[in-house]
Amino acid sequence: QQKKQEKEERKGEKKICASDENINGGTPFFSFQKEELLSMSITFRLKRPKKHFVNSKPGPGRLRPTSPNQLSHTIMDVDNLAKFVLDSLNAFVYDDDKQVVSLRVVKVWDNEDECLGSTEVMIRRLEDEEMDELIQNVMEN
C-alpha cells in the first residue's frame, strides 16, 4: 500500500534540468566556471537487501549480526557508479566532467535508519596551493 502511494507521489514530481525554462531563462547554468579545476567526493550508500535484516523486515536496529559490514564489493562496479554521477552533472553543476581532476569514491552498504540507500556528492573548486600539493603527492607516490 505504502509503495503504491509513494509511486503515485513520484508521478507528480517535476524534474528540473539545467535547461528548464523555469530556471535561468532556459539557458544552462553552472555552479562552477569552465576554467575551474574541481575535486569531487562521492559516497554511495547502497540499499540493503531484505535478507540482511532479522525476519527480512528492514528497520532501525533490525540488521542481522551476520550481515556484511559496511564496505560492499557486490552489486555494481564503483567506477560505473561514479561515471553515472559525473556524466549526469555535466551542463548542470559544471560545464564538463573533465574539469574534475581529483576524485574519491566509496561504496558502502547503508546502515542508516531504514537502510534505503543514498548518494552523497561533494564538489569543490581546487585552489592554486591545493593543486601544487596534489601534484607533489602524485609525484612522491
Protein backbone atom coordinates (compact mmCIF):
# COMPACT_ATOMS: atom_id res chain seq x y z
CA GLN A 1 0.00 0.00 0.00
CA GLN A 2 2.74 2.45 1.03
CA LYS A 3 4.87 1.66 -2.05
CA LYS A 4 1.89 2.27 -4.32
CA GLN A 5 1.27 5.64 -2.64
CA GLU A 6 4.96 6.62 -2.99
CA LYS A 7 4.86 5.67 -6.70
CA GLU A 8 1.79 7.88 -7.21
CA GLU A 9 3.52 10.80 -5.45
CA ARG A 10 6.61 10.40 -7.67
CA LYS A 11 4.44 10.63 -10.81
CA GLY A 12 3.53 14.19 -9.82
CA GLU A 13 7.10 15.33 -9.23
CA LYS A 14 8.52 17.88 -11.61
CA LYS A 15 12.02 17.10 -12.77
CA ILE A 16 14.21 20.15 -13.21
CA CYS A 17 17.19 20.14 -15.53
CA ALA A 18 19.82 22.73 -16.42
CA SER A 19 17.91 23.89 -19.49
CA ASP A 20 14.48 24.03 -17.82
CA GLU A 21 12.68 27.18 -18.97
CA ASN A 22 11.77 27.99 -15.36
CA ILE A 23 15.44 28.25 -14.39
CA ASN A 24 17.76 30.96 -15.67
CA GLY A 25 15.55 31.69 -18.67
CA GLY A 26 16.03 28.18 -20.06
CA THR A 27 19.77 28.52 -20.61
CA PRO A 28 22.25 26.20 -18.94
CA PHE A 29 23.80 27.43 -15.70
CA PHE A 30 26.80 26.19 -13.81
CA SER A 31 27.89 26.34 -10.20
CA PHE A 32 31.49 26.18 -11.41
CA GLN A 33 33.06 28.05 -14.29
CA LYS A 34 34.60 26.25 -17.29
CA GLU A 35 38.17 27.10 -16.33
CA GLU A 36 37.91 25.90 -12.72
CA LEU A 37 39.51 22.60 -11.69
CA LEU A 38 37.40 20.54 -9.32
CA SER A 39 37.75 17.95 -6.60
CA MET A 40 34.83 15.55 -6.10
CA SER A 41 33.97 13.08 -3.38
CA ILE A 42 31.12 10.59 -3.90
CA THR A 43 29.72 8.20 -1.27
CA PHE A 44 27.27 5.57 -2.46
CA ARG A 45 25.20 4.09 0.36
CA LEU A 46 23.60 1.04 -1.22
CA LYS A 47 20.16 -0.15 -0.23
CA ARG A 48 20.44 -3.34 1.77
CA PRO A 49 18.56 -6.46 0.65
CA LYS A 50 15.87 -7.79 2.98
CA LYS A 51 17.99 -10.84 3.82
CA HIS A 52 20.31 -8.52 5.79
CA PHE A 53 17.53 -7.93 8.34
CA VAL A 54 16.01 -10.02 11.11
CA ASN A 55 12.92 -11.78 9.72
CA SER A 56 13.63 -9.99 6.39
CA LYS A 57 11.95 -6.85 7.74
CA PRO A 58 14.03 -3.68 7.28
CA GLY A 59 14.12 -1.09 10.01
CA PRO A 60 16.33 0.62 12.56
CA GLY A 61 18.01 -1.87 14.87
CA ARG A 62 16.93 -4.88 12.78
CA LEU A 63 20.21 -5.56 10.98
CA ARG A 64 21.35 -9.17 11.40
CA PRO A 65 24.66 -9.61 13.24
CA THR A 66 25.76 -11.86 10.34
CA SER A 67 25.04 -9.20 7.70
CA PRO A 68 28.04 -7.80 5.84
CA ASN A 69 29.75 -4.83 7.39
CA GLN A 70 29.62 -1.51 5.57
CA LEU A 71 32.07 -1.96 2.71
CA SER A 72 30.45 -3.57 -0.30
CA HIS A 73 32.13 -5.46 -3.13
CA THR A 74 28.88 -6.66 -4.67
CA ILE A 75 26.26 -5.21 -6.99
CA MET A 76 27.76 -2.53 -9.25
CA ASP A 77 31.32 -1.53 -10.08
CA VAL A 78 32.32 1.64 -8.28
CA ASP A 79 33.76 3.15 -11.48
CA ASN A 80 30.42 2.75 -13.30
CA LEU A 81 28.55 4.36 -10.41
CA ALA A 82 30.99 7.28 -10.41
CA LYS A 83 30.78 7.68 -14.20
CA PHE A 84 26.99 7.93 -13.95
CA VAL A 85 27.22 10.75 -11.39
CA LEU A 86 29.99 12.57 -13.27
CA ASP A 87 28.07 12.46 -16.56
CA SER A 88 24.73 13.39 -15.01
CA LEU A 89 26.16 16.64 -13.60
CA ASN A 90 27.51 17.80 -16.99
CA ALA A 91 25.95 21.11 -18.08
CA PHE A 92 24.21 21.35 -14.72
CA VAL A 93 26.76 21.77 -11.96
CA TYR A 94 29.82 22.15 -14.16
CA ASP A 95 30.42 22.58 -17.86
CA ASP A 96 32.04 19.15 -18.36
CA ASP A 97 33.21 16.35 -16.07
CA LYS A 98 36.73 16.72 -17.46
CA GLN A 99 37.02 19.63 -15.00
CA VAL A 100 37.15 17.05 -12.18
CA VAL A 101 40.86 16.40 -11.61
CA SER A 102 40.58 14.72 -8.21
CA LEU A 103 38.00 12.03 -7.44
CA ARG A 104 37.34 9.98 -4.29
CA VAL A 105 34.63 7.31 -4.47
CA VAL A 106 33.38 4.98 -1.72
CA LYS A 107 30.69 2.31 -1.99
CA VAL A 108 29.17 1.03 1.28
CA TRP A 109 26.04 -0.69 2.49
CA ASP A 110 23.62 1.78 4.05
CA ASN A 111 23.44 1.45 7.84
CA GLU A 112 21.17 4.45 8.48
CA ASP A 113 17.53 4.22 9.59
CA GLU A 114 15.64 2.06 7.04
CA CYS A 115 18.85 1.40 5.04
CA LEU A 116 17.18 2.57 1.81
CA GLY A 117 20.37 3.90 0.24
CA SER A 118 21.56 7.32 -0.82
CA THR A 119 24.27 9.09 -2.78
CA GLU A 120 26.27 11.97 -1.36
CA VAL A 121 28.26 14.19 -3.72
CA MET A 122 30.65 16.88 -2.56
CA ILE A 123 32.32 19.12 -5.15
CA ARG A 124 34.72 21.96 -4.55
CA ARG A 125 36.97 24.18 -6.56
CA LEU A 126 40.69 23.47 -6.13
CA GLU A 127 42.75 26.45 -5.04
CA ASP A 128 46.22 27.01 -6.56
CA GLU A 129 48.09 25.80 -3.46
CA GLU A 130 45.94 22.65 -3.35
CA MET A 131 46.80 21.88 -6.97
CA ASP A 132 50.51 22.19 -6.19
CA GLU A 133 50.10 19.88 -3.18
CA LEU A 134 48.10 17.37 -5.25
CA ILE A 135 50.79 17.29 -7.93
CA GLN A 136 53.53 16.89 -5.31
CA ASN A 137 51.67 13.95 -3.69
CA VAL A 138 51.31 12.23 -7.06
CA MET A 139 55.00 12.69 -7.85
CA GLU A 140 56.00 11.22 -4.47
CA ASN A 141 53.95 8.08 -4.99
